[in-house]
Amino acid sequence: MRVSVDRDRCEGYGLCVEEASHLMHLDDDGELVLDRADVPPESSDAAEAAVRVCPVAALRVSA
């Protein structure tokens, strides 16, 4: 599983980070940084939750 972010859509709300802080964080400028684009199996639930909570649908997961 991989996580990707649409930088044009991302507004930096950080709700995704609350769900999956071990996979992503906001930098000092409020930009989302994916620490792990390749999601380990044990983190798939957190990655999917991060995608669900994004209010602007900027995140996607793929196989």
N, C-alpha and C. Protein backbone atom coordinates (compact mmCIF):
# COMPACT_ATOMS: atom_id res chain seq x y z
N MET A 1 0.84 -1.17 0.00
CA MET A 1 0.00 0.00 0.00
C MET A 1 0.89 1.24 0.00
N ARG A 2 0.46 2.25 -0.77
CA ARG A 2 1.17 3.53 -0.84
C ARG A 2 0.21 4.67 -0.55
N VAL A 3 0.72 5.70 0.08
CA VAL A 3 -0.03 6.94 0.31
C VAL A 3 0.55 8.01 -0.60
N SER A 4 -0.32 8.79 -1.21
CA SER A 4 0.13 9.93 -2.01
C SER A 4 -0.70 11.15 -1.63
N VAL A 5 -0.11 12.32 -1.85
CA VAL A 5 -0.79 13.57 -1.51
C VAL A 5 -0.86 14.45 -2.75
N ASP A 6 -2.02 15.05 -2.95
CA ASP A 6 -2.21 16.04 -4.01
C ASP A 6 -1.88 17.39 -3.40
N ARG A 7 -0.70 17.88 -3.65
CA ARG A 7 -0.23 19.13 -3.03
C ARG A 7 -1.08 20.34 -3.41
N ASP A 8 -1.73 20.29 -4.57
CA ASP A 8 -2.61 21.41 -4.96
C ASP A 8 -3.87 21.46 -4.11
N ARG A 9 -4.30 20.31 -3.59
CA ARG A 9 -5.51 20.26 -2.78
C ARG A 9 -5.24 20.44 -1.29
N CYS A 10 -4.07 19.98 -0.84
CA CYS A 10 -3.77 19.98 0.60
C CYS A 10 -3.78 21.40 1.15
N GLU A 11 -4.51 21.58 2.25
CA GLU A 11 -4.61 22.88 2.92
C GLU A 11 -3.86 22.89 4.25
N GLY A 12 -3.26 21.77 4.64
CA GLY A 12 -2.47 21.72 5.87
C GLY A 12 -3.26 21.69 7.15
N TYR A 13 -4.47 21.14 7.12
CA TYR A 13 -5.28 21.07 8.34
C TYR A 13 -4.64 20.18 9.40
N GLY A 14 -3.97 19.12 8.98
CA GLY A 14 -3.27 18.25 9.92
C GLY A 14 -4.10 17.13 10.53
N LEU A 15 -5.35 16.99 10.11
CA LEU A 15 -6.16 15.91 10.65
C LEU A 15 -5.57 14.54 10.31
N CYS A 16 -4.97 14.44 9.14
CA CYS A 16 -4.33 13.20 8.72
C CYS A 16 -3.16 12.86 9.64
N VAL A 17 -2.43 13.87 10.05
CA VAL A 17 -1.29 13.67 10.94
C VAL A 17 -1.75 13.13 12.28
N GLU A 18 -2.89 13.60 12.76
CA GLU A 18 -3.45 13.08 14.01
C GLU A 18 -3.74 11.59 13.91
N GLU A 19 -4.13 11.13 12.73
CA GLU A 19 -4.46 9.71 12.53
C GLU A 19 -3.22 8.86 12.26
N ALA A 20 -2.20 9.43 11.63
CA ALA A 20 -1.05 8.62 11.21
C ALA A 20 0.25 9.40 11.34
N SER A 21 0.56 9.86 12.54
CA SER A 21 1.76 10.68 12.74
C SER A 21 3.05 9.91 12.49
N HIS A 22 2.99 8.60 12.50
CA HIS A 22 4.18 7.81 12.21
C HIS A 22 4.42 7.66 10.70
N LEU A 23 3.47 8.16 9.89
CA LEU A 23 3.61 8.10 8.44
C LEU A 23 3.79 9.47 7.80
N MET A 24 3.38 10.53 8.50
CA MET A 24 3.39 11.87 7.91
C MET A 24 3.46 12.94 8.99
N HIS A 25 3.87 14.14 8.59
CA HIS A 25 3.88 15.29 9.50
C HIS A 25 3.76 16.57 8.70
N LEU A 26 3.46 17.65 9.39
CA LEU A 26 3.45 18.98 8.77
C LEU A 26 4.80 19.63 9.07
N ASP A 27 5.41 20.20 8.03
CA ASP A 27 6.69 20.88 8.25
C ASP A 27 6.44 22.28 8.82
N ASP A 28 7.48 23.04 9.00
CA ASP A 28 7.38 24.37 9.61
C ASP A 28 6.52 25.34 8.81
N ASP A 29 6.36 25.07 7.51
CA ASP A 29 5.53 25.92 6.65
C ASP A 29 4.10 25.40 6.53
N GLY A 30 3.76 24.35 7.25
CA GLY A 30 2.43 23.79 7.19
C GLY A 30 2.20 22.87 6.00
N GLU A 31 3.28 22.46 5.35
CA GLU A 31 3.18 21.54 4.20
C GLU A 31 3.24 20.10 4.71
N LEU A 32 2.40 19.26 4.13
CA LEU A 32 2.39 17.85 4.51
C LEU A 32 3.60 17.15 3.93
N VAL A 33 4.29 16.40 4.78
CA VAL A 33 5.45 15.62 4.38
C VAL A 33 5.13 14.15 4.67
N LEU A 34 5.25 13.31 3.66
CA LEU A 34 5.04 11.88 3.84
C LEU A 34 6.37 11.26 4.27
N ASP A 35 6.43 10.80 5.51
CA ASP A 35 7.64 10.16 6.01
C ASP A 35 7.78 8.75 5.45
N ARG A 36 6.64 8.13 5.20
CA ARG A 36 6.62 6.77 4.66
C ARG A 36 5.51 6.68 3.62
N ALA A 37 5.86 6.83 2.36
CA ALA A 37 4.86 6.69 1.31
C ALA A 37 4.46 5.22 1.17
N ASP A 38 5.43 4.32 1.37
CA ASP A 38 5.13 2.89 1.38
C ASP A 38 4.70 2.52 2.79
N VAL A 39 3.45 2.14 2.91
CA VAL A 39 2.85 1.88 4.21
C VAL A 39 3.06 0.42 4.60
N PRO A 40 3.66 0.16 5.77
CA PRO A 40 3.79 -1.22 6.22
C PRO A 40 2.41 -1.79 6.56
N PRO A 41 2.24 -3.08 6.42
CA PRO A 41 0.91 -3.69 6.67
C PRO A 41 0.30 -3.34 8.02
N GLU A 42 1.12 -3.22 9.04
CA GLU A 42 0.58 -2.93 10.37
C GLU A 42 0.08 -1.49 10.51
N SER A 43 0.37 -0.64 9.51
CA SER A 43 -0.08 0.75 9.55
C SER A 43 -1.17 1.06 8.52
N SER A 44 -1.69 0.04 7.86
CA SER A 44 -2.68 0.26 6.81
C SER A 44 -3.97 0.89 7.35
N ASP A 45 -4.40 0.48 8.54
CA ASP A 45 -5.61 1.07 9.12
C ASP A 45 -5.41 2.56 9.39
N ALA A 46 -4.25 2.94 9.91
CA ALA A 46 -3.97 4.34 10.19
C ALA A 46 -3.91 5.15 8.90
N ALA A 47 -3.31 4.59 7.85
CA ALA A 47 -3.23 5.29 6.56
C ALA A 47 -4.62 5.51 5.98
N GLU A 48 -5.45 4.51 6.04
CA GLU A 48 -6.82 4.64 5.52
C GLU A 48 -7.62 5.64 6.34
N ALA A 49 -7.41 5.68 7.65
CA ALA A 49 -8.09 6.66 8.50
C ALA A 49 -7.64 8.08 8.14
N ALA A 50 -6.36 8.25 7.87
CA ALA A 50 -5.84 9.57 7.48
C ALA A 50 -6.49 10.05 6.20
N VAL A 51 -6.67 9.15 5.25
CA VAL A 51 -7.33 9.49 3.98
C VAL A 51 -8.77 9.90 4.23
N ARG A 52 -9.46 9.15 5.08
CA ARG A 52 -10.88 9.43 5.35
C ARG A 52 -11.11 10.78 6.01
N VAL A 53 -10.22 11.20 6.90
CA VAL A 53 -10.47 12.44 7.65
C VAL A 53 -10.06 13.70 6.91
N CYS A 54 -9.37 13.57 5.79
CA CYS A 54 -8.94 14.76 5.06
C CYS A 54 -10.16 15.51 4.52
N PRO A 55 -10.38 16.75 4.96
CA PRO A 55 -11.57 17.48 4.54
C PRO A 55 -11.55 17.95 3.08
N VAL A 56 -10.37 17.90 2.45
CA VAL A 56 -10.28 18.35 1.05
C VAL A 56 -9.90 17.20 0.10
N ALA A 57 -9.92 15.98 0.61
CA ALA A 57 -9.63 14.78 -0.19
C ALA A 57 -8.28 14.87 -0.91
N ALA A 58 -7.25 15.29 -0.18
CA ALA A 58 -5.93 15.46 -0.78
C ALA A 58 -5.08 14.18 -0.72
N LEU A 59 -5.51 13.20 0.05
CA LEU A 59 -4.75 11.97 0.19
C LEU A 59 -5.41 10.82 -0.52
N ARG A 60 -4.57 9.91 -1.00
CA ARG A 60 -5.04 8.70 -1.67
C ARG A 60 -4.19 7.53 -1.21
N VAL A 61 -4.79 6.36 -1.16
CA VAL A 61 -4.03 5.12 -0.95
C VAL A 61 -4.19 4.26 -2.19
N SER A 62 -3.14 3.55 -2.51
CA SER A 62 -3.18 2.62 -3.64
C SER A 62 -2.44 1.35 -3.24
N ALA A 63 -2.73 0.31 -3.99
CA ALA A 63 -2.13 -1.00 -3.68
C ALA A 63 -0.67 -1.04 -4.01
